PDB file of N, CA and C in Angstrom:
ATOM      1  N   MET A   1       6.605   8.943   3.207  1.00  0.00           N
ATOM      2  CA  MET A   1       7.076   9.714   4.345  1.00  0.00           C
ATOM      3  C   MET A   1       8.318   9.040   4.914  1.00  0.00           C
ATOM      4  N   THR A   2       9.395   9.748   5.004  1.00  0.00           N
ATOM      5  CA  THR A   2      10.669   9.155   5.389  1.00  0.00           C
ATOM      6  C   THR A   2      10.761   8.830   6.874  1.00  0.00           C
ATOM      7  N   ASP A   3      10.016   9.508   7.737  1.00  0.00           N
ATOM      8  CA  ASP A   3      10.094   9.254   9.170  1.00  0.00           C
ATOM      9  C   ASP A   3       9.008   8.315   9.682  1.00  0.00           C
ATOM     10  N   CYS A   4       8.157   7.830   8.820  1.00  0.00           N
ATOM     11  CA  CYS A   4       7.043   6.992   9.235  1.00  0.00           C
ATOM     12  C   CYS A   4       7.495   5.538   9.402  1.00  0.00           C
ATOM     13  N   LEU A   5       7.320   5.003  10.594  1.00  0.00           N
ATOM     14  CA  LEU A   5       7.699   3.625  10.886  1.00  0.00           C
ATOM     15  C   LEU A   5       7.043   2.643   9.923  1.00  0.00           C
ATOM     16  N   PHE A   6       5.750   2.805   9.686  1.00  0.00           N
ATOM     17  CA  PHE A   6       5.047   1.861   8.828  1.00  0.00           C
ATOM     18  C   PHE A   6       5.452   2.011   7.364  1.00  0.00           C
ATOM     19  N   CYS A   7       5.755   3.219   6.929  1.00  0.00           N
ATOM     20  CA  CYS A   7       6.263   3.401   5.563  1.00  0.00           C
ATOM     21  C   CYS A   7       7.609   2.696   5.403  1.00  0.00           C
ATOM     22  N   LYS A   8       8.422   2.699   6.458  1.00  0.00           N
ATOM     23  CA  LYS A   8       9.707   1.998   6.421  1.00  0.00           C
ATOM     24  C   LYS A   8       9.496   0.485   6.367  1.00  0.00           C
ATOM     25  N   ILE A   9       8.489  -0.018   7.070  1.00  0.00           N
ATOM     26  CA  ILE A   9       8.160  -1.447   6.995  1.00  0.00           C
ATOM     27  C   ILE A   9       7.695  -1.789   5.586  1.00  0.00           C
ATOM     28  N   ILE A  10       6.834  -0.960   5.017  1.00  0.00           N
ATOM     29  CA  ILE A  10       6.350  -1.168   3.650  1.00  0.00           C
ATOM     30  C   ILE A  10       7.520  -1.213   2.668  1.00  0.00           C
ATOM     31  N   ALA A  11       8.475  -0.317   2.848  1.00  0.00           N
ATOM     32  CA  ALA A  11       9.636  -0.233   1.952  1.00  0.00           C
ATOM     33  C   ALA A  11      10.622  -1.376   2.157  1.00  0.00           C
ATOM     34  N   GLY A  12      10.472  -2.118   3.242  1.00  0.00           N
ATOM     35  CA  GLY A  12      11.395  -3.211   3.530  1.00  0.00           C
ATOM     36  C   GLY A  12      12.616  -2.783   4.322  1.00  0.00           C
ATOM     37  N   ASP A  13      12.631  -1.531   4.780  1.00  0.00           N
ATOM     38  CA  ASP A  13      13.763  -1.023   5.553  1.00  0.00           C
ATOM     39  C   ASP A  13      13.759  -1.539   6.986  1.00  0.00           C
ATOM     40  N   ILE A  14      12.592  -1.907   7.484  1.00  0.00           N
ATOM     41  CA  ILE A  14      12.439  -2.458   8.829  1.00  0.00           C
ATOM     42  C   ILE A  14      11.716  -3.792   8.665  1.00  0.00           C
ATOM     43  N   PRO A  15      12.235  -4.858   9.272  1.00  0.00           N
ATOM     44  CA  PRO A  15      11.587  -6.167   9.107  1.00  0.00           C
ATOM     45  C   PRO A  15      10.276  -6.263   9.880  1.00  0.00           C
ATOM     46  N   ALA A  16       9.386  -7.108   9.381  1.00  0.00           N
ATOM     47  CA  ALA A  16       8.119  -7.385  10.044  1.00  0.00           C
ATOM     48  C   ALA A  16       7.709  -8.804   9.670  1.00  0.00           C
ATOM     49  N   GLU A  17       6.967  -9.443  10.557  1.00  0.00           N
ATOM     50  CA  GLU A  17       6.434 -10.771  10.267  1.00  0.00           C
ATOM     51  C   GLU A  17       5.146 -10.594   9.471  1.00  0.00           C
ATOM     52  N   LYS A  18       5.284 -10.629   8.166  1.00  0.00           N
ATOM     53  CA  LYS A  18       4.168 -10.353   7.272  1.00  0.00           C
ATOM     54  C   LYS A  18       3.192 -11.529   7.214  1.00  0.00           C
ATOM     55  N   LEU A  19       1.914 -11.183   7.229  1.00  0.00           N
ATOM     56  CA  LEU A  19       0.849 -12.164   7.105  1.00  0.00           C
ATOM     57  C   LEU A  19       0.150 -12.061   5.753  1.00  0.00           C
ATOM     58  N   TYR A  20       0.233 -10.885   5.138  1.00  0.00           N
ATOM     59  CA  TYR A  20      -0.418 -10.651   3.849  1.00  0.00           C
ATOM     60  C   TYR A  20       0.232  -9.423   3.220  1.00  0.00           C
ATOM     61  N   GLU A  21       0.341  -9.452   1.894  1.00  0.00           N
ATOM     62  CA  GLU A  21       0.828  -8.265   1.186  1.00  0.00           C
ATOM     63  C   GLU A  21       0.352  -8.314  -0.249  1.00  0.00           C
ATOM     64  N   ASP A  22      -0.109  -7.174  -0.736  1.00  0.00           N
ATOM     65  CA  ASP A  22      -0.386  -6.980  -2.148  1.00  0.00           C
ATOM     66  C   ASP A  22       0.022  -5.548  -2.498  1.00  0.00           C
ATOM     67  N   ASP A  23      -0.419  -5.045  -3.621  1.00  0.00           N
ATOM     68  CA  ASP A  23       0.001  -3.705  -4.055  1.00  0.00           C
ATOM     69  C   ASP A  23      -0.547  -2.579  -3.184  1.00  0.00           C
ATOM     70  N   GLU A  24      -1.637  -2.843  -2.440  1.00  0.00           N
ATOM     71  CA  GLU A  24      -2.306  -1.792  -1.674  1.00  0.00           C
ATOM     72  C   GLU A  24      -2.243  -1.965  -0.164  1.00  0.00           C
ATOM     73  N   VAL A  25      -2.088  -3.201   0.304  1.00  0.00           N
ATOM     74  CA  VAL A  25      -2.280  -3.511   1.721  1.00  0.00           C
ATOM     75  C   VAL A  25      -1.137  -4.381   2.240  1.00  0.00           C
ATOM     76  N   LEU A  26      -0.793  -4.174   3.503  1.00  0.00           N
ATOM     77  CA  LEU A  26       0.179  -5.008   4.199  1.00  0.00           C
ATOM     78  C   LEU A  26      -0.401  -5.354   5.566  1.00  0.00           C
ATOM     79  N   ALA A  27      -0.279  -6.620   5.961  1.00  0.00           N
ATOM     80  CA  ALA A  27      -0.682  -7.058   7.301  1.00  0.00           C
ATOM     81  C   ALA A  27       0.515  -7.752   7.939  1.00  0.00           C
ATOM     82  N   PHE A  28       0.741  -7.463   9.212  1.00  0.00           N
ATOM     83  CA  PHE A  28       1.882  -8.043   9.920  1.00  0.00           C
ATOM     84  C   PHE A  28       1.583  -8.130  11.410  1.00  0.00           C
ATOM     85  N   ARG A  29       2.292  -9.020  12.088  1.00  0.00           N
ATOM     86  CA  ARG A  29       2.097  -9.212  13.525  1.00  0.00           C
ATOM     87  C   ARG A  29       2.578  -7.991  14.309  1.00  0.00           C
ATOM     88  N   ASP A  30       1.853  -7.666  15.359  1.00  0.00           N
ATOM     89  CA  ASP A  30       2.242  -6.576  16.257  1.00  0.00           C
ATOM     90  C   ASP A  30       3.472  -7.023  17.049  1.00  0.00           C
ATOM     91  N   ILE A  31       4.442  -6.139  17.213  1.00  0.00           N
ATOM     92  CA  ILE A  31       5.666  -6.512  17.937  1.00  0.00           C
ATOM     93  C   ILE A  31       5.464  -6.541  19.456  1.00  0.00           C
ATOM     94  N   ALA A  32       4.377  -5.977  19.939  1.00  0.00           N
ATOM     95  CA  ALA A  32       4.055  -6.010  21.372  1.00  0.00           C
ATOM     96  C   ALA A  32       2.602  -6.456  21.522  1.00  0.00           C
ATOM     97  N   PRO A  33       2.326  -7.730  21.244  1.00  0.00           N
ATOM     98  CA  PRO A  33       0.938  -8.195  21.202  1.00  0.00           C
ATOM     99  C   PRO A  33       0.195  -8.035  22.525  1.00  0.00           C
ATOM    100  N   GLN A  34      -1.053  -7.628  22.419  1.00  0.00           N
ATOM    101  CA  GLN A  34      -1.923  -7.441  23.576  1.00  0.00           C
ATOM    102  C   GLN A  34      -2.949  -8.569  23.696  1.00  0.00           C
ATOM    103  N   ALA A  35      -2.832  -9.565  22.834  1.00  0.00           N
ATOM    104  CA  ALA A  35      -3.723 -10.726  22.828  1.00  0.00           C
ATOM    105  C   ALA A  35      -2.970 -11.862  22.147  1.00  0.00           C
ATOM    106  N   PRO A  36      -3.447 -13.112  22.318  1.00  0.00           N
ATOM    107  CA  PRO A  36      -2.772 -14.225  21.650  1.00  0.00           C
ATOM    108  C   PRO A  36      -2.642 -14.039  20.141  1.00  0.00           C
ATOM    109  N   VAL A  37      -3.644 -13.429  19.522  1.00  0.00           N
ATOM    110  CA  VAL A  37      -3.555 -13.056  18.108  1.00  0.00           C
ATOM    111  C   VAL A  37      -3.657 -11.536  18.069  1.00  0.00           C
ATOM    112  N   HIS A  38      -2.637 -10.888  17.543  1.00  0.00           N
ATOM    113  CA  HIS A  38      -2.644  -9.421  17.434  1.00  0.00           C
ATOM    114  C   HIS A  38      -1.807  -9.050  16.216  1.00  0.00           C
ATOM    115  N   PHE A  39      -2.486  -8.526  15.215  1.00  0.00           N
ATOM    116  CA  PHE A  39      -1.787  -8.089  14.017  1.00  0.00           C
ATOM    117  C   PHE A  39      -2.363  -6.771  13.540  1.00  0.00           C
ATOM    118  N   LEU A  40      -1.623  -6.124  12.662  1.00  0.00           N
ATOM    119  CA  LEU A  40      -2.018  -4.838  12.098  1.00  0.00           C
ATOM    120  C   LEU A  40      -2.273  -5.006  10.611  1.00  0.00           C
ATOM    121  N   VAL A  41      -3.227  -4.251  10.115  1.00  0.00           N
ATOM    122  CA  VAL A  41      -3.497  -4.187   8.684  1.00  0.00           C
ATOM    123  C   VAL A  41      -3.406  -2.717   8.308  1.00  0.00           C
ATOM    124  N   ILE A  42      -2.555  -2.415   7.316  1.00  0.00           N
ATOM    125  CA  ILE A  42      -2.325  -1.020   6.938  1.00  0.00           C
ATOM    126  C   ILE A  42      -2.411  -0.863   5.425  1.00  0.00           C
ATOM    127  N   PRO A  43      -2.813   0.328   4.985  1.00  0.00           N
ATOM    128  CA  PRO A  43      -2.711   0.608   3.553  1.00  0.00           C
ATOM    129  C   PRO A  43      -1.268   1.003   3.243  1.00  0.00           C
ATOM    130  N   LYS A  44      -0.833   0.709   2.047  1.00  0.00           N
ATOM    131  CA  LYS A  44       0.505   1.158   1.645  1.00  0.00           C
ATOM    132  C   LYS A  44       0.504   2.657   1.358  1.00  0.00           C
ATOM    133  N   LYS A  45      -0.639   3.184   1.037  1.00  0.00           N
ATOM    134  CA  LYS A  45      -0.782   4.631   0.879  1.00  0.00           C
ATOM    135  C   LYS A  45      -0.693   5.259   2.268  1.00  0.00           C
ATOM    136  N   HIS A  46       0.113   6.289   2.404  1.00  0.00           N
ATOM    137  CA  HIS A  46       0.239   6.958   3.701  1.00  0.00           C
ATOM    138  C   HIS A  46      -0.989   7.842   3.939  1.00  0.00           C
ATOM    139  N   ILE A  47      -1.788   7.423   4.903  1.00  0.00           N
ATOM    140  CA  ILE A  47      -2.918   8.209   5.405  1.00  0.00           C
ATOM    141  C   ILE A  47      -2.633   8.364   6.891  1.00  0.00           C
ATOM    142  N   VAL A  48      -2.663   9.566   7.405  1.00  0.00           N
ATOM    143  CA  VAL A  48      -2.220   9.822   8.769  1.00  0.00           C
ATOM    144  C   VAL A  48      -3.074   9.121   9.825  1.00  0.00           C
ATOM    145  N   ASP A  49      -4.390   9.222   9.714  1.00  0.00           N
ATOM    146  CA  ASP A  49      -5.272   8.688  10.750  1.00  0.00           C
ATOM    147  C   ASP A  49      -6.678   8.485  10.182  1.00  0.00           C
ATOM    148  N   PRO A  50      -7.580   7.873  10.942  1.00  0.00           N
ATOM    149  CA  PRO A  50      -8.938   7.667  10.431  1.00  0.00           C
ATOM    150  C   PRO A  50      -9.632   8.962  10.000  1.00  0.00           C
ATOM    151  N   ALA A  51      -9.368  10.060  10.691  1.00  0.00           N
ATOM    152  CA  ALA A  51      -9.980  11.333  10.315  1.00  0.00           C
ATOM    153  C   ALA A  51      -9.462  11.835   8.971  1.00  0.00           C
ATOM    154  N   GLY A  52      -8.328  11.306   8.532  1.00  0.00           N
ATOM    155  CA  GLY A  52      -7.737  11.723   7.262  1.00  0.00           C
ATOM    156  C   GLY A  52      -8.197  10.907   6.068  1.00  0.00           C
ATOM    157  N   VAL A  53      -9.131   9.978   6.275  1.00  0.00           N
ATOM    158  CA  VAL A  53      -9.635   9.159   5.177  1.00  0.00           C
ATOM    159  C   VAL A  53     -10.521  10.025   4.280  1.00  0.00           C
ATOM    160  N   SER A  54     -10.207  10.031   2.991  1.00  0.00           N
ATOM    161  CA  SER A  54     -10.996  10.810   2.035  1.00  0.00           C
ATOM    162  C   SER A  54     -11.996   9.896   1.328  1.00  0.00           C
ATOM    163  N   GLU A  55     -12.893  10.492   0.597  1.00  0.00           N
ATOM    164  CA  GLU A  55     -13.849   9.718  -0.188  1.00  0.00           C
ATOM    165  C   GLU A  55     -13.103   8.797  -1.157  1.00  0.00           C
ATOM    166  N   GLU A  56     -12.015   9.268  -1.685  1.00  0.00           N
ATOM    167  CA  GLU A  56     -11.174   8.480  -2.596  1.00  0.00           C
ATOM    168  C   GLU A  56     -10.624   7.215  -1.923  1.00  0.00           C
ATOM    169  N   ASP A  57     -10.467   7.244  -0.589  1.00  0.00           N
ATOM    170  CA  ASP A  57      -9.877   6.135   0.160  1.00  0.00           C
ATOM    171  C   ASP A  57     -10.891   5.096   0.647  1.00  0.00           C
ATOM    172  N   GLU A  58     -12.178   5.326   0.442  1.00  0.00           N
ATOM    173  CA  GLU A  58     -13.198   4.463   1.021  1.00  0.00           C
ATOM    174  C   GLU A  58     -13.045   2.998   0.610  1.00  0.00           C
ATOM    175  N   LYS A  59     -12.798   2.736  -0.651  1.00  0.00           N
ATOM    176  CA  LYS A  59     -12.650   1.357  -1.119  1.00  0.00           C
ATOM    177  C   LYS A  59     -11.432   0.697  -0.466  1.00  0.00           C
ATOM    178  N   LEU A  60     -10.335   1.430  -0.357  1.00  0.00           N
ATOM    179  CA  LEU A  60      -9.112   0.915   0.260  1.00  0.00           C
ATOM    180  C   LEU A  60      -9.350   0.567   1.725  1.00  0.00           C
ATOM    181  N   ILE A  61     -10.027   1.419   2.447  1.00  0.00           N
ATOM    182  CA  ILE A  61     -10.282   1.172   3.873  1.00  0.00           C
ATOM    183  C   ILE A  61     -11.210  -0.036   4.029  1.00  0.00           C
ATOM    184  N   GLY A  62     -12.166  -0.198   3.145  1.00  0.00           N
ATOM    185  CA  GLY A  62     -13.005  -1.393   3.152  1.00  0.00           C
ATOM    186  C   GLY A  62     -12.191  -2.655   2.910  1.00  0.00           C
ATOM    187  N   LYS A  63     -11.185  -2.545   2.060  1.00  0.00           N
ATOM    188  CA  LYS A  63     -10.312  -3.686   1.792  1.00  0.00           C
ATOM    189  C   LYS A  63      -9.546  -4.084   3.052  1.00  0.00           C
ATOM    190  N   LEU A  64      -9.138  -3.110   3.865  1.00  0.00           N
ATOM    191  CA  LEU A  64      -8.464  -3.427   5.118  1.00  0.00           C
ATOM    192  C   LEU A  64      -9.351  -4.319   5.980  1.00  0.00           C
ATOM    193  N   MET A  65     -10.635  -3.975   6.048  1.00  0.00           N
ATOM    194  CA  MET A  65     -11.581  -4.748   6.845  1.00  0.00           C
ATOM    195  C   MET A  65     -11.691  -6.180   6.309  1.00  0.00           C
ATOM    196  N   ARG A  66     -11.801  -6.310   5.002  1.00  0.00           N
ATOM    197  CA  ARG A  66     -11.934  -7.636   4.393  1.00  0.00           C
ATOM    198  C   ARG A  66     -10.687  -8.481   4.631  1.00  0.00           C
ATOM    199  N   ILE A  67      -9.515  -7.902   4.415  1.00  0.00           N
ATOM    200  CA  ILE A  67      -8.267  -8.636   4.602  1.00  0.00           C
ATOM    201  C   ILE A  67      -8.075  -8.990   6.072  1.00  0.00           C
ATOM    202  N   GLY A  68      -8.369  -8.059   6.960  1.00  0.00           N
ATOM    203  CA  GLY A  68      -8.253  -8.332   8.391  1.00  0.00           C
ATOM    204  C   GLY A  68      -9.138  -9.487   8.828  1.00  0.00           C
ATOM    205  N   SER A  69     -10.367  -9.521   8.341  1.00  0.00           N
ATOM    206  CA  SER A  69     -11.292 -10.607   8.675  1.00  0.00           C
ATOM    207  C   SER A  69     -10.805 -11.934   8.109  1.00  0.00           C
ATOM    208  N   GLN A  70     -10.274 -11.899   6.918  1.00  0.00           N
ATOM    209  CA  GLN A  70      -9.732 -13.106   6.276  1.00  0.00           C
ATOM    210  C   GLN A  70      -8.573 -13.675   7.083  1.00  0.00           C
ATOM    211  N   ILE A  71      -7.658 -12.815   7.492  1.00  0.00           N
ATOM    212  CA  ILE A  71      -6.508 -13.273   8.270  1.00  0.00           C
ATOM    213  C   ILE A  71      -6.954 -13.761   9.642  1.00  0.00           C
ATOM    214  N   ALA A  72      -7.905 -13.062  10.268  1.00  0.00           N
ATOM    215  CA  ALA A  72      -8.421 -13.507  11.569  1.00  0.00           C
ATOM    216  C   ALA A  72      -8.942 -14.940  11.465  1.00  0.00           C
ATOM    217  N   ALA A  73      -9.660 -15.238  10.404  1.00  0.00           N
ATOM    218  CA  ALA A  73     -10.164 -16.606  10.204  1.00  0.00           C
ATOM    219  C   ALA A  73      -9.005 -17.581  10.041  1.00  0.00           C
ATOM    220  N   GLU A  74      -8.006 -17.207   9.256  1.00  0.00           N
ATOM    221  CA  GLU A  74      -6.831 -18.068   9.060  1.00  0.00           C
ATOM    222  C   GLU A  74      -6.076 -18.305  10.363  1.00  0.00           C
ATOM    223  N   GLU A  75      -6.110 -17.313  11.261  1.00  0.00           N
ATOM    224  CA  GLU A  75      -5.419 -17.406  12.546  1.00  0.00           C
ATOM    225  C   GLU A  75      -6.262 -18.106  13.614  1.00  0.00           C
ATOM    226  N   GLY A  76      -7.477 -18.532  13.250  1.00  0.00           N
ATOM    227  CA  GLY A  76      -8.324 -19.280  14.171  1.00  0.00           C
ATOM    228  C   GLY A  76      -9.193 -18.456  15.093  1.00  0.00           C
ATOM    229  N   VAL A  77      -9.321 -17.159  14.817  1.00  0.00           N
ATOM    230  CA  VAL A  77     -10.152 -16.306  15.669  1.00  0.00           C
ATOM    231  C   VAL A  77     -11.278 -15.635  14.874  1.00  0.00           C
ATOM    232  N   GLY A  78     -11.630 -16.232  13.754  1.00  0.00           N
ATOM    233  CA  GLY A  78     -12.651 -15.640  12.896  1.00  0.00           C
ATOM    234  C   GLY A  78     -14.015 -15.504  13.541  1.00  0.00           C
ATOM    235  N   ASP A  79     -14.269 -16.264  14.608  1.00  0.00           N
ATOM    236  CA  ASP A  79     -15.568 -16.194  15.272  1.00  0.00           C
ATOM    237  C   ASP A  79     -15.597 -15.179  16.406  1.00  0.00           C
ATOM    238  N   GLY A  80     -14.477 -14.512  16.674  1.00  0.00           N
ATOM    239  CA  GLY A  80     -14.454 -13.519  17.743  1.00  0.00           C
ATOM    240  C   GLY A  80     -13.149 -12.764  17.785  1.00  0.00           C
ATOM    241  N   PHE A  81     -13.182 -11.530  17.291  1.00  0.00           N
ATOM    242  CA  PHE A  81     -11.990 -10.686  17.330  1.00  0.00           C
ATOM    243  C   PHE A  81     -12.419  -9.236  17.452  1.00  0.00           C
ATOM    244  N   ARG A  82     -11.498  -8.415  17.935  1.00  0.00           N
ATOM    245  CA  ARG A  82     -11.754  -6.992  18.104  1.00  0.00           C
ATOM    246  C   ARG A  82     -10.973  -6.236  17.050  1.00  0.00           C
ATOM    247  N   ILE A  83     -11.598  -5.217  16.502  1.00  0.00           N
ATOM    248  CA  ILE A  83     -10.954  -4.323  15.534  1.00  0.00           C
ATOM    249  C   ILE A  83     -10.830  -2.958  16.195  1.00  0.00           C
ATOM    250  N   ILE A  84      -9.624  -2.403  16.181  1.00  0.00           N
ATOM    251  CA  ILE A  84      -9.395  -1.104  16.822  1.00  0.00           C
ATOM    252  C   ILE A  84      -8.641  -0.183  15.872  1.00  0.00           C
ATOM    253  N   TYR A  85      -9.184   1.015  15.726  1.00  0.00           N
ATOM    254  CA  TYR A  85      -8.487   2.124  15.076  1.00  0.00           C
ATOM    255  C   TYR A  85      -8.345   3.198  16.139  1.00  0.00           C
ATOM    256  N   ASN A  86      -7.169   3.785  16.275  1.00  0.00           N
ATOM    257  CA  ASN A  86      -6.986   4.930  17.160  1.00  0.00           C
ATOM    258  C   ASN A  86      -6.819   6.165  16.281  1.00  0.00           C
ATOM    259  N   ASN A  87      -7.422   7.262  16.705  1.00  0.00           N
ATOM    260  CA  ASN A  87      -7.335   8.502  15.945  1.00  0.00           C
ATOM    261  C   ASN A  87      -6.735   9.596  16.822  1.00  0.00           C
ATOM    262  N   GLY A  88      -5.461   9.877  16.612  1.00  0.00           N
ATOM    263  CA  GLY A  88      -4.791  10.941  17.344  1.00  0.00           C
ATOM    264  C   GLY A  88      -4.132  10.457  18.623  1.00  0.00           C
ATOM    265  N   ALA A  89      -3.200  11.239  19.094  1.00  0.00           N
ATOM    266  CA  ALA A  89      -2.430  10.898  20.292  1.00  0.00           C
ATOM    267  C   ALA A  89      -3.320  10.738  21.518  1.00  0.00           C
ATOM    268  N   LYS A  90      -4.362  11.550  21.637  1.00  0.00           N
ATOM    269  CA  LYS A  90      -5.260  11.458  22.791  1.00  0.00           C
ATOM    270  C   LYS A  90      -5.975  10.114  22.854  1.00  0.00           C
ATOM    271  N   ALA A  91      -6.111   9.447  21.717  1.00  0.00           N
ATOM    272  CA  ALA A  91      -6.766   8.142  21.664  1.00  0.00           C
ATOM    273  C   ALA A  91      -5.767   6.996  21.706  1.00  0.00           C
ATOM    274  N   GLY A  92      -4.495   7.309  21.804  1.00  0.00           N
ATOM    275  CA  GLY A  92      -3.471   6.274  21.896  1.00  0.00           C
ATOM    276  C   GLY A  92      -2.755   5.976  20.597  1.00  0.00           C
ATOM    277  N   GLN A  93      -3.011   6.759  19.541  1.00  0.00           N
ATOM    278  CA  GLN A  93      -2.297   6.524  18.287  1.00  0.00           C
ATOM    279  C   GLN A  93      -0.836   6.918  18.472  1.00  0.00           C
ATOM    280  N   ALA A  94       0.065   5.968  18.226  1.00  0.00           N
ATOM    281  CA  ALA A  94       1.493   6.224  18.396  1.00  0.00           C
ATOM    282  C   ALA A  94       2.221   6.320  17.069  1.00  0.00           C
ATOM    283  N   VAL A  95       1.714   5.640  16.042  1.00  0.00           N
ATOM    284  CA  VAL A  95       2.291   5.714  14.702  1.00  0.00           C
ATOM    285  C   VAL A  95       1.256   6.410  13.827  1.00  0.00           C
ATOM    286  N   PHE A  96       1.649   7.510  13.224  1.00  0.00           N
ATOM    287  CA  PHE A  96       0.697   8.322  12.480  1.00  0.00           C
ATOM    288  C   PHE A  96       0.651   7.927  11.008  1.00  0.00           C
ATOM    289  N   HIS A  97       0.251   6.683  10.832  1.00  0.00           N
ATOM    290  CA  HIS A  97      -0.064   6.056   9.544  1.00  0.00           C
ATOM    291  C   HIS A  97      -1.255   5.173   9.900  1.00  0.00           C
ATOM    292  N   ILE A  98      -2.400   5.411   9.303  1.00  0.00           N
ATOM    293  CA  ILE A  98      -3.602   4.685   9.695  1.00  0.00           C
ATOM    294  C   ILE A  98      -3.333   3.184   9.744  1.00  0.00           C
ATOM    295  N   HIS A  99      -3.808   2.552  10.803  1.00  0.00           N
ATOM    296  CA  HIS A  99      -3.627   1.118  10.956  1.00  0.00           C
ATOM    297  C   HIS A  99      -4.769   0.539  11.775  1.00  0.00           C
ATOM    298  N   MET A 100      -5.115  -0.660  11.400  1.00  0.00           N
ATOM    299  CA  MET A 100      -6.200  -1.381  12.044  1.00  0.00           C
ATOM    300  C   MET A 100      -5.594  -2.507  12.863  1.00  0.00           C
ATOM    301  N   HIS A 101      -5.860  -2.502  14.161  1.00  0.00           N
ATOM    302  CA  HIS A 101      -5.443  -3.595  15.031  1.00  0.00           C
ATOM    303  C   HIS A 101      -6.518  -4.672  14.990  1.00  0.00           C
ATOM    304  N   ILE A 102      -6.103  -5.927  14.877  1.00  0.00           N
ATOM    305  CA  ILE A 102      -7.001  -7.063  15.030  1.00  0.00           C
ATOM    306  C   ILE A 102      -6.485  -7.846  16.229  1.00  0.00           C
ATOM    307  N   LEU A 103      -7.338  -8.028  17.228  1.00  0.00           N
ATOM    308  CA  LEU A 103      -6.974  -8.755  18.437  1.00  0.00           C
ATOM    309  C   LEU A 103      -7.971  -9.877  18.676  1.00  0.00           C
ATOM    310  N   GLY A 104      -7.477 -11.057  18.981  1.00  0.00           N
ATOM    311  CA  GLY A 104      -8.348 -12.190  19.262  1.00  0.00           C
ATOM    312  C   GLY A 104      -7.640 -13.235  20.084  1.00  0.00           C
ATOM    313  N   GLY A 105      -8.405 -14.239  20.463  1.00  0.00           N
ATOM    314  CA  GLY A 105      -7.828 -15.345  21.207  1.00  0.00           C
ATOM    315  C   GLY A 105      -8.042 -15.265  22.698  1.00  0.00           C
ATOM    316  N   LYS A 106      -8.663 -14.188  23.178  1.00  0.00           N
ATOM    317  CA  LYS A 106      -9.051 -14.113  24.579  1.00  0.00           C
ATOM    318  C   LYS A 106     -10.220 -13.136  24.685  1.00  0.00           C
ATOM    319  N   GLU A 107     -11.098 -13.420  25.629  1.00  0.00           N
ATOM    320  CA  GLU A 107     -12.250 -12.541  25.798  1.00  0.00           C
ATOM    321  C   GLU A 107     -11.812 -11.225  26.393  1.00  0.00           C
ATOM    322  N   ARG A 108     -12.471 -10.180  25.947  1.00  0.00           N
ATOM    323  CA  ARG A 108     -12.177  -8.838  26.439  1.00  0.00           C
ATOM    324  C   ARG A 108     -13.476  -8.192  26.880  1.00  0.00           C
ATOM    325  N   PRO A 109     -13.497  -7.603  28.067  1.00  0.00           N
ATOM    326  CA  PRO A 109     -14.730  -6.938  28.526  1.00  0.00           C
ATOM    327  C   PRO A 109     -14.971  -5.639  27.773  1.00  0.00           C
ATOM    328  N   TRP A 110     -16.192  -5.206  27.797  1.00  0.00           N
ATOM    329  CA  TRP A 110     -16.534  -3.893  27.245  1.00  0.00           C
ATOM    330  C   TRP A 110     -17.243  -3.124  28.323  1.00  0.00           C
ATOM    331  N   PRO A 111     -16.999  -1.884  28.586  1.00  0.00           N
ATOM    332  CA  PRO A 111     -15.969  -1.103  27.910  1.00  0.00           C
ATOM    333  C   PRO A 111     -14.560  -1.513  28.341  1.00  0.00           C
ATOM    334  N   MET A 112     -13.601  -1.057  27.556  1.00  0.00           N
ATOM    335  CA  MET A 112     -12.209  -1.420  27.808  1.00  0.00           C
ATOM    336  C   MET A 112     -11.712  -0.758  29.069  1.00  0.00           C
TER     337      MET A 112
END
């Protein structure tokens, strides 16, 4: 998708502080962190939102969880971090390419 911010990051057209990359997944620091540790994990395949995940995508989405947990541990927050997916504008999704936020390094109350 030519107008997708995250697709442009994947293509290398927009710089990002990468934490992990392979053929399927990219993880990078959030440019406006909401916690001491805040990074995104995205599939390189363009999927619009969590509701757009197909049965074919299940393994890939599971990989996002595994990679996110691995990086959280490397960043020193493996014992306590929040995972957030937003689905749609009403839920706060601003970039319409599925992405998983990992936030850690400070306690957060529930509900938000």
